[in-house]
C-alpha atoms as a PDB file:
ATOM      1  CA  MET A   1      -4.467  45.510 -61.985  1.00  0.00           C
ATOM      2  CA  ASP A   2      -1.356  45.405 -59.837  1.00  0.00           C
ATOM      3  CA  TRP A   3      -2.598  46.898 -56.531  1.00  0.00           C
ATOM      4  CA  PRO A   4       0.684  46.354 -54.698  1.00  0.00           C
ATOM      5  CA  GLY A   5       2.350  48.145 -57.619  1.00  0.00           C
ATOM      6  CA  VAL A   6      -0.090  51.043 -57.204  1.00  0.00           C
ATOM      7  CA  LEU A   7       0.837  51.337 -53.542  1.00  0.00           C
ATOM      8  CA  PHE A   8       4.562  51.042 -54.316  1.00  0.00           C
ATOM      9  CA  ALA A   9       4.298  53.674 -57.078  1.00  0.00           C
ATOM     10  CA  ALA A  10       2.552  56.100 -54.700  1.00  0.00           C
ATOM     11  CA  LEU A  11       5.156  55.499 -52.004  1.00  0.00           C
ATOM     12  CA  THR A  12       7.904  56.052 -54.586  1.00  0.00           C
ATOM     13  CA  VAL A  13       6.413  59.442 -55.445  1.00  0.00           C
ATOM     14  CA  MET A  14       6.384  60.359 -51.754  1.00  0.00           C
ATOM     15  CA  ILE A  15      10.098  59.514 -51.572  1.00  0.00           C
ATOM     16  CA  VAL A  16      10.741  61.547 -54.719  1.00  0.00           C
ATOM     17  CA  ALA A  17       8.761  64.445 -53.183  1.00  0.00           C
ATOM     18  CA  ALA A  18      10.687  64.321 -49.921  1.00  0.00           C
ATOM     19  CA  THR A  19      13.987  64.342 -51.804  1.00  0.00           C
ATOM     20  CA  TRP A  20      12.955  66.936 -54.390  1.00  0.00           C
ATOM     21  CA  TYR A  21      11.548  69.438 -51.940  1.00  0.00           C
ATOM     22  CA  ARG A  22      14.433  68.935 -49.527  1.00  0.00           C
ATOM     23  CA  LEU A  23      16.595  70.196 -52.383  1.00  0.00           C
ATOM     24  CA  PHE A  24      14.263  72.892 -53.717  1.00  0.00           C
ATOM     25  CA  GLY A  25      11.835  73.641 -50.863  1.00  0.00           C
ATOM     26  CA  ARG A  26      13.590  76.633 -49.356  1.00  0.00           C
ATOM     27  CA  PRO A  27      14.058  78.483 -52.657  1.00  0.00           C
ATOM     28  CA  VAL A  28      10.406  77.825 -53.537  1.00  0.00           C
ATOM     29  CA  ALA A  29       9.288  79.092 -50.134  1.00  0.00           C
ATOM     30  CA  ARG A  30      11.348  82.254 -50.611  1.00  0.00           C
ATOM     31  CA  TYR A  31       9.847  82.898 -54.038  1.00  0.00           C
ATOM     32  CA  ALA A  32       6.385  82.292 -52.603  1.00  0.00           C
ATOM     33  CA  GLY A  33       7.075  84.633 -49.694  1.00  0.00           C
ATOM     34  CA  LEU A  34       6.408  82.004 -47.040  1.00  0.00           C
ATOM     35  CA  ALA A  35       8.010  82.136 -43.617  1.00  0.00           C
ATOM     36  CA  GLY A  36       9.189  79.024 -41.771  1.00  0.00           C
ATOM     37  CA  ALA A  37       6.099  78.905 -39.545  1.00  0.00           C
ATOM     38  CA  GLU A  38       3.776  78.858 -42.554  1.00  0.00           C
ATOM     39  CA  ILE A  39       5.681  75.978 -44.123  1.00  0.00           C
ATOM     40  CA  GLN A  40       5.489  73.869 -40.942  1.00  0.00           C
ATOM     41  CA  ARG A  41       1.759  74.404 -40.367  1.00  0.00           C
ATOM     42  CA  ARG A  42      -0.260  71.157 -40.491  1.00  0.00           C
ATOM     43  CA  PRO A  43       2.320  68.934 -42.211  1.00  0.00           C
ATOM     44  CA  LEU A  44       0.376  65.736 -41.446  1.00  0.00           C
ATOM     45  CA  VAL A  45      -2.654  67.028 -43.343  1.00  0.00           C
ATOM     46  CA  ALA A  46      -0.483  67.986 -46.321  1.00  0.00           C
ATOM     47  CA  VAL A  47       1.407  64.684 -46.410  1.00  0.00           C
ATOM     48  CA  THR A  48      -1.742  62.570 -45.966  1.00  0.00           C
ATOM     49  CA  GLY A  49      -3.643  64.530 -48.588  1.00  0.00           C
ATOM     50  CA  THR A  50      -0.737  64.347 -51.003  1.00  0.00           C
ATOM     51  CA  PHE A  51      -0.419  60.596 -50.540  1.00  0.00           C
ATOM     52  CA  LEU A  52      -4.138  60.022 -51.175  1.00  0.00           C
ATOM     53  CA  LEU A  53      -4.074  62.142 -54.332  1.00  0.00           C
ATOM     54  CA  VAL A  54      -0.910  60.451 -55.607  1.00  0.00           C
ATOM     55  CA  LEU A  55      -2.482  57.069 -54.838  1.00  0.00           C
ATOM     56  CA  LEU A  56      -5.404  58.029 -57.096  1.00  0.00           C
ATOM     57  CA  SER A  57      -2.971  58.969 -59.889  1.00  0.00           C
ATOM     58  CA  ALA A  58      -0.998  55.751 -59.388  1.00  0.00           C
ATOM     59  CA  ALA A  59      -4.221  53.724 -59.594  1.00  0.00           C
ATOM     60  CA  MET A  60      -5.078  55.297 -62.940  1.00  0.00           C
ATOM     61  CA  LEU A  61      -1.571  54.648 -64.258  1.00  0.00           C
ATOM     62  CA  GLY A  62      -1.772  51.076 -62.973  1.00  0.00           C
ATOM     63  CA  HIS A  63      -5.068  50.663 -64.810  1.00  0.00           C
ATOM     64  CA  MET A  64      -3.493  51.930 -68.048  1.00  0.00           C
ATOM     65  CA  PHE A  65      -0.294  49.923 -67.684  1.00  0.00           C
ATOM     66  CA  ALA A  66      -2.181  46.682 -66.947  1.00  0.00           C
ATOM     67  CA  ARG A  67      -3.036  46.572 -70.640  1.00  0.00           C
ATOM     68  CA  ILE A  68       0.509  47.038 -71.971  1.00  0.00           C
ATOM     69  CA  ASP A  69       2.776  44.254 -73.139  1.00  0.00           C
ATOM     70  CA  PRO A  70       5.908  44.402 -70.903  1.00  0.00           C
ATOM     71  CA  GLU A  71       8.050  43.688 -73.987  1.00  0.00           C
ATOM     72  CA  ARG A  72       7.100  47.169 -75.206  1.00  0.00           C
ATOM     73  CA  TRP A  73       9.046  48.758 -72.347  1.00  0.00           C
ATOM     74  CA  TRP A  74       9.283  52.158 -74.047  1.00  0.00           C
ATOM     75  CA  LEU A  75       5.547  52.680 -73.567  1.00  0.00           C
ATOM     76  CA  PHE A  76       5.987  52.960 -69.786  1.00  0.00           C
ATOM     77  CA  PRO A  77       8.188  56.102 -69.817  1.00  0.00           C
ATOM     78  CA  MET A  78       6.487  57.436 -72.936  1.00  0.00           C
ATOM     79  CA  MET A  79       3.026  57.267 -71.371  1.00  0.00           C
ATOM     80  CA  SER A  80       3.929  58.285 -67.824  1.00  0.00           C
ATOM     81  CA  GLY A  81       6.196  61.114 -68.982  1.00  0.00           C
ATOM     82  CA  GLY A  82       3.680  62.101 -71.641  1.00  0.00           C
ATOM     83  CA  ILE A  83       0.933  62.437 -69.061  1.00  0.00           C
ATOM     84  CA  ALA A  84       3.173  64.677 -66.974  1.00  0.00           C
ATOM     85  CA  VAL A  85       4.279  66.830 -69.931  1.00  0.00           C
ATOM     86  CA  ALA A  86       0.939  67.026 -71.753  1.00  0.00           C
ATOM     87  CA  PHE A  87      -1.551  67.122 -68.864  1.00  0.00           C
ATOM     88  CA  ILE A  88      -0.106  67.659 -65.379  1.00  0.00           C
ATOM     89  CA  ILE A  89       2.447  70.398 -66.110  1.00  0.00           C
ATOM     90  CA  PRO A  90       0.195  72.468 -68.404  1.00  0.00           C
ATOM     91  CA  ALA A  91      -2.630  72.317 -65.846  1.00  0.00           C
ATOM     92  CA  LEU A  92      -0.240  73.345 -63.091  1.00  0.00           C
ATOM     93  CA  TRP A  93       1.225  76.204 -65.129  1.00  0.00           C
ATOM     94  CA  THR A  94      -2.236  77.428 -66.105  1.00  0.00           C
ATOM     95  CA  ASN A  95      -3.055  77.804 -62.423  1.00  0.00           C
ATOM     96  CA  TYR A  96       0.278  79.494 -61.746  1.00  0.00           C
ATOM     97  CA  LEU A  97      -0.269  81.972 -64.602  1.00  0.00           C
ATOM     98  CA  HIS A  98      -3.630  83.005 -63.178  1.00  0.00           C
ATOM     99  CA  GLN A  99      -2.246  83.193 -59.654  1.00  0.00           C
ATOM    100  CA  ARG A 100       0.771  85.176 -60.933  1.00  0.00           C
ATOM    101  CA  ARG A 101       3.171  82.785 -59.224  1.00  0.00           C
ATOM    102  CA  PRO A 102       6.905  83.142 -59.967  1.00  0.00           C
ATOM    103  CA  ARG A 103       8.208  81.137 -62.913  1.00  0.00           C
ATOM    104  CA  ALA A 104      10.859  79.558 -60.668  1.00  0.00           C
ATOM    105  CA  ILE A 105       8.142  77.856 -58.598  1.00  0.00           C
ATOM    106  CA  ALA A 106       6.488  76.544 -61.758  1.00  0.00           C
ATOM    107  CA  MET A 107       9.810  75.146 -62.987  1.00  0.00           C
ATOM    108  CA  VAL A 108      10.580  73.381 -59.700  1.00  0.00           C
ATOM    109  CA  ASP A 109       7.085  71.901 -59.496  1.00  0.00           C
ATOM    110  CA  ALA A 110       7.093  70.899 -63.170  1.00  0.00           C
ATOM    111  CA  GLY A 111      10.395  69.098 -62.685  1.00  0.00           C
ATOM    112  CA  PHE A 112       9.012  67.305 -59.664  1.00  0.00           C
ATOM    113  CA  TRP A 113       5.885  66.090 -61.468  1.00  0.00           C
ATOM    114  CA  LEU A 114       7.871  64.902 -64.469  1.00  0.00           C
ATOM    115  CA  VAL A 115      10.230  62.907 -62.241  1.00  0.00           C
ATOM    116  CA  ALA A 116       7.285  61.662 -60.140  1.00  0.00           C
ATOM    117  CA  TYR A 117       5.357  60.325 -63.130  1.00  0.00           C
ATOM    118  CA  LEU A 118       8.458  58.811 -64.707  1.00  0.00           C
ATOM    119  CA  SER A 119       9.207  57.070 -61.397  1.00  0.00           C
ATOM    120  CA  MET A 120       5.688  55.621 -61.320  1.00  0.00           C
ATOM    121  CA  GLY A 121       6.167  54.382 -64.891  1.00  0.00           C
ATOM    122  CA  LEU A 122       9.451  52.795 -63.837  1.00  0.00           C
ATOM    123  CA  VAL A 123       7.744  51.053 -60.898  1.00  0.00           C
ATOM    124  CA  PHE A 124       5.018  49.596 -63.097  1.00  0.00           C
ATOM    125  CA  TRP A 125       7.494  48.533 -65.778  1.00  0.00           C
ATOM    126  CA  SER A 126       9.731  46.847 -63.205  1.00  0.00           C
ATOM    127  CA  ARG A 127       6.758  44.891 -61.846  1.00  0.00           C
ATOM    128  CA  SER A 128       5.425  43.807 -65.247  1.00  0.00           C
END
């Protein structure tokens, strides 16, 4: 397995997250009813926890992609995007439905996770 690729994929997701939520963070916070102080509370814990969880996801993708022939490049976006669309986003939306979260938050987060997983697929394909 490509451990440097796992680390690079996780770091790529963190860059995607920083960019995505810089664009959509304030609207999401408004829909969620959060004030500025609540958003700023314990950012190091949130960022560290997020990185560790994304690293776990990247390791699983790296494990799956280690068995793919690089000539079959279409499998990288198909699998990484498929995981986001068929597993991550439905699980997220199920939680949001039960929590009665606004649909706008679900859409922003779904878009993020789709882009995040596709970016990890791109990292692993580029390193294969």
